Amino acid sequence: MTELILDSLQRRMAAMHSLYYQAVGSMDLEHVNHFEREKVLPIAFSLFHYTNQE
């Protein structure tokens, strides 16, 4: 059972990484650090925390 859970988690993490690579693949620093409006954080904030939580 543990092996099945581990396999599932690995596949889910790989899928998430794939989505992030697709999302940022065409962005440059201007896009990543873009400030949309007050109380909305730039994408860089989310990416930083996402990569540091792994």
Protein backbone atom coordinates (compact mmCIF):
# COMPACT_ATOMS: atom_id res chain seq x y z
CA MET A 1 0.00 0.00 0.00
CA THR A 2 2.82 2.43 0.84
CA GLU A 3 4.36 1.88 -2.59
CA LEU A 4 1.04 2.71 -4.25
CA ILE A 5 0.72 5.96 -2.28
CA LEU A 6 4.31 6.95 -3.05
CA ASP A 7 3.77 6.29 -6.76
CA SER A 8 0.60 8.40 -6.72
CA LEU A 9 2.35 11.32 -4.99
CA GLN A 10 5.28 11.17 -7.41
CA ARG A 11 2.97 11.28 -10.41
CA ARG A 12 1.02 14.20 -8.96
CA MET A 13 4.19 16.16 -8.21
CA ALA A 14 5.47 15.49 -11.74
CA ALA A 15 2.18 16.78 -13.14
CA MET A 16 2.42 19.95 -11.02
CA HIS A 17 6.02 20.54 -12.11
CA SER A 18 4.96 20.12 -15.72
CA LEU A 19 2.22 22.73 -15.31
CA TYR A 20 4.61 25.22 -13.68
CA TYR A 21 7.21 24.70 -16.43
CA GLN A 22 4.53 25.31 -19.06
CA ALA A 23 3.27 28.41 -17.24
CA VAL A 24 6.65 30.10 -16.84
CA GLY A 25 8.32 28.78 -19.98
CA SER A 26 7.44 31.83 -22.04
CA MET A 27 7.73 34.44 -19.27
CA ASP A 28 10.56 36.86 -18.75
CA LEU A 29 11.38 38.79 -15.56
CA GLU A 30 8.90 41.53 -16.43
CA HIS A 31 6.05 39.02 -16.54
CA VAL A 32 7.09 37.18 -13.39
CA ASN A 33 7.47 40.37 -11.35
CA HIS A 34 4.42 42.13 -12.84
CA PHE A 35 2.35 43.98 -10.23
CA GLU A 36 -1.28 43.72 -11.36
CA ARG A 37 -2.95 45.80 -8.67
CA GLU A 38 -2.97 46.43 -4.93
CA LYS A 39 -3.40 43.30 -2.76
CA VAL A 40 -2.43 40.99 -5.65
CA LEU A 41 1.01 39.41 -5.33
CA PRO A 42 3.28 38.93 -8.35
CA ILE A 43 3.81 35.45 -9.76
CA ALA A 44 7.37 35.49 -8.42
CA PHE A 45 6.01 35.37 -4.86
CA SER A 46 4.00 32.21 -5.53
CA LEU A 47 6.83 30.53 -7.43
CA PHE A 48 9.31 31.28 -4.66
CA HIS A 49 7.08 29.77 -1.99
CA TYR A 50 6.07 26.81 -4.13
CA THR A 51 9.68 25.79 -4.77
CA ASN A 52 10.74 26.35 -1.15
CA GLN A 53 7.91 24.23 0.29
CA GLU A 54 9.02 21.10 -1.54
